[in-house]
């Protein structure tokens, strides 16, 4: 049997000085939590909440397709273009820049996400408002 050459790339990690990415460090986990809660509401429960997992892609993370009533919704974190991409099976597309933004702006709190919205809030609020009531579990 012929040996094959090792095709692994040398490990090179980019420098991540905390001062340069501290806003991302505090904001991104909160955004991911919001997207995870949407995924939790739209997917059937699996042991240990495995249904909430965000999956790696070549560009970042994805929810993978989720049913929203009789429609399909997918939310992707694109770390190369610094965008959150929301797509539906009907061709609807929303992009939200990944930039420092409070969760209150990203997803306004309150009953039914009502109230004044700025920036990305209306997109995520609409996604939450469109959740079929039968699929949202009380916790």
Protein backbone atom coordinates (compact mmCIF):
# COMPACT_ATOMS: atom_id res chain seq x y z
CA UNK A 1 0.00 0.00 0.00
CA UNK A 2 1.37 3.39 -0.96
CA UNK A 3 1.56 6.09 1.70
CA UNK A 4 -0.13 9.35 0.92
CA UNK A 5 1.35 12.73 1.71
CA UNK A 6 -0.01 14.53 4.74
CA UNK A 7 -2.44 17.13 3.39
CA UNK A 8 -3.06 19.03 6.59
CA UNK A 9 -2.48 22.76 6.64
CA UNK A 10 -0.16 24.28 9.21
CA UNK A 11 -2.03 25.66 12.18
CA UNK A 12 -2.12 29.42 11.96
CA UNK A 13 -4.57 31.30 14.07
CA UNK A 14 -5.26 34.99 13.58
CA UNK A 15 -4.41 37.37 16.36
CA UNK A 16 -7.49 38.26 18.39
CA UNK A 17 -6.57 41.24 20.55
CA UNK A 18 -9.47 41.62 22.98
CA UNK A 19 -9.57 45.41 22.65
CA UNK A 20 -10.33 45.10 18.93
CA UNK A 21 -13.16 42.62 19.24
CA UNK A 22 -14.58 43.21 22.73
CA UNK A 23 -17.88 44.56 21.32
CA UNK A 24 -18.27 41.42 19.21
CA UNK A 25 -17.33 39.27 22.18
CA UNK A 26 -20.21 40.69 24.20
CA UNK A 27 -22.79 41.09 21.40
CA UNK A 28 -22.50 37.92 19.30
CA UNK A 29 -23.43 35.42 22.05
CA UNK A 30 -26.59 37.41 22.78
CA UNK A 31 -27.58 37.45 19.10
CA UNK A 32 -26.89 33.72 18.89
CA UNK A 33 -29.10 33.19 21.92
CA UNK A 34 -31.99 35.04 20.23
CA UNK A 35 -31.57 32.99 17.03
CA UNK A 36 -31.33 29.82 19.13
CA UNK A 37 -34.61 30.65 20.86
CA UNK A 38 -36.27 31.09 17.47
CA UNK A 39 -34.86 27.70 16.44
CA UNK A 40 -36.09 26.18 19.71
CA UNK A 41 -39.61 27.48 19.02
CA UNK A 42 -39.68 26.22 15.42
CA UNK A 43 -38.14 22.75 15.71
CA UNK A 44 -39.39 19.60 17.44
CA UNK A 45 -37.79 19.05 20.85
CA UNK A 46 -34.92 16.56 21.05
CA UNK A 47 -33.11 15.29 24.17
CA UNK A 48 -30.88 17.87 25.86
CA UNK A 49 -32.19 20.62 23.51
CA UNK A 50 -30.06 19.30 20.65
CA UNK A 51 -32.67 20.78 18.30
CA UNK A 52 -31.36 24.26 19.17
CA UNK A 53 -27.88 23.64 17.75
CA UNK A 54 -26.47 26.13 15.25
CA UNK A 55 -24.45 24.30 12.60
CA UNK A 56 -21.09 25.43 11.18
CA UNK A 57 -20.90 26.45 7.52
CA UNK A 58 -17.99 27.63 5.39
CA UNK A 59 -19.09 31.21 6.13
CA UNK A 60 -20.21 30.97 9.78
CA UNK A 61 -23.21 29.34 11.45
CA UNK A 62 -26.72 28.37 10.32
CA UNK A 63 -29.98 27.25 11.85
CA UNK A 64 -30.54 25.06 8.78
CA UNK A 65 -34.06 25.17 7.30
CA UNK A 66 -36.91 25.44 9.84
CA UNK A 67 -40.65 25.26 9.23
CA UNK A 68 -42.56 28.46 9.96
CA UNK A 69 -46.16 27.36 9.51
CA UNK A 70 -46.30 26.23 5.87
CA UNK A 71 -43.14 28.21 5.01
CA UNK A 72 -39.43 27.53 5.48
CA UNK A 73 -37.07 29.94 7.23
CA UNK A 74 -33.29 29.81 7.59
CA UNK A 75 -31.06 32.17 9.57
CA UNK A 76 -27.32 32.34 8.85
CA UNK A 77 -24.50 34.14 10.61
CA UNK A 78 -22.08 35.11 7.82
CA UNK A 79 -18.79 35.94 9.53
CA UNK A 80 -17.01 36.67 6.24
CA UNK A 81 -19.38 39.46 5.15
CA UNK A 82 -20.29 40.35 8.77
CA UNK A 83 -24.02 39.87 8.19
CA UNK A 84 -26.95 37.98 9.65
CA UNK A 85 -28.90 36.56 6.70
CA UNK A 86 -32.58 35.62 7.00
CA UNK A 87 -34.03 33.72 4.02
CA UNK A 88 -37.40 32.11 3.32
CA UNK A 89 -38.50 29.57 0.75
CA UNK A 90 -40.52 32.33 -0.95
CA UNK A 91 -37.30 34.15 -1.82
CA UNK A 92 -37.68 36.79 0.89
CA UNK A 93 -34.32 37.91 2.16
CA UNK A 94 -33.22 40.16 5.00
CA UNK A 95 -29.70 41.06 6.01
CA UNK A 96 -28.66 42.64 9.27
CA UNK A 97 -25.11 43.92 9.68
CA UNK A 98 -23.17 42.22 12.46
CA UNK A 99 -22.19 45.32 14.35
CA UNK A 100 -22.41 46.43 17.96
CA UNK A 101 -26.11 46.65 18.76
CA UNK A 102 -28.03 45.93 21.92
CA UNK A 103 -30.41 43.01 21.98
CA UNK A 104 -33.17 45.58 22.65
CA UNK A 105 -32.49 47.03 19.20
CA UNK A 106 -31.85 43.65 17.57
CA UNK A 107 -35.02 42.13 19.04
CA UNK A 108 -37.16 44.61 20.94
CA UNK A 109 -38.60 43.17 24.14
CA UNK A 110 -42.18 43.36 25.25
CA UNK A 111 -45.48 41.79 24.41
CA UNK A 112 -45.40 40.62 20.82
CA UNK A 113 -42.28 42.71 20.17
CA UNK A 114 -44.48 45.77 19.82
CA UNK A 115 -43.21 49.29 20.01
CA UNK A 116 -40.78 51.45 18.11
CA UNK A 117 -38.00 49.60 16.34
CA UNK A 118 -34.70 50.81 14.98
CA UNK A 119 -32.14 49.01 12.87
CA UNK A 120 -32.53 45.25 12.68
CA UNK A 121 -35.30 44.92 15.27
CA UNK A 122 -38.23 44.81 12.85
CA UNK A 123 -36.77 41.83 10.96
CA UNK A 124 -36.29 39.64 13.99
CA UNK A 125 -39.50 40.92 15.57
CA UNK A 126 -41.40 39.94 12.41
CA UNK A 127 -39.85 36.49 12.47
CA UNK A 128 -41.03 36.08 16.06
CA UNK A 129 -44.51 37.52 15.34
CA UNK A 130 -44.89 35.06 12.45
CA UNK A 131 -44.25 32.05 14.69
CA UNK A 132 -47.29 29.78 14.52
CA UNK A 133 -48.86 29.82 17.98
CA UNK A 134 -49.08 26.02 18.04
CA UNK A 135 -45.31 25.66 17.66
CA UNK A 136 -44.22 28.01 20.42
CA UNK A 137 -43.74 26.02 23.61
CA UNK A 138 -44.36 27.53 26.98
CA UNK A 139 -41.40 27.06 29.27
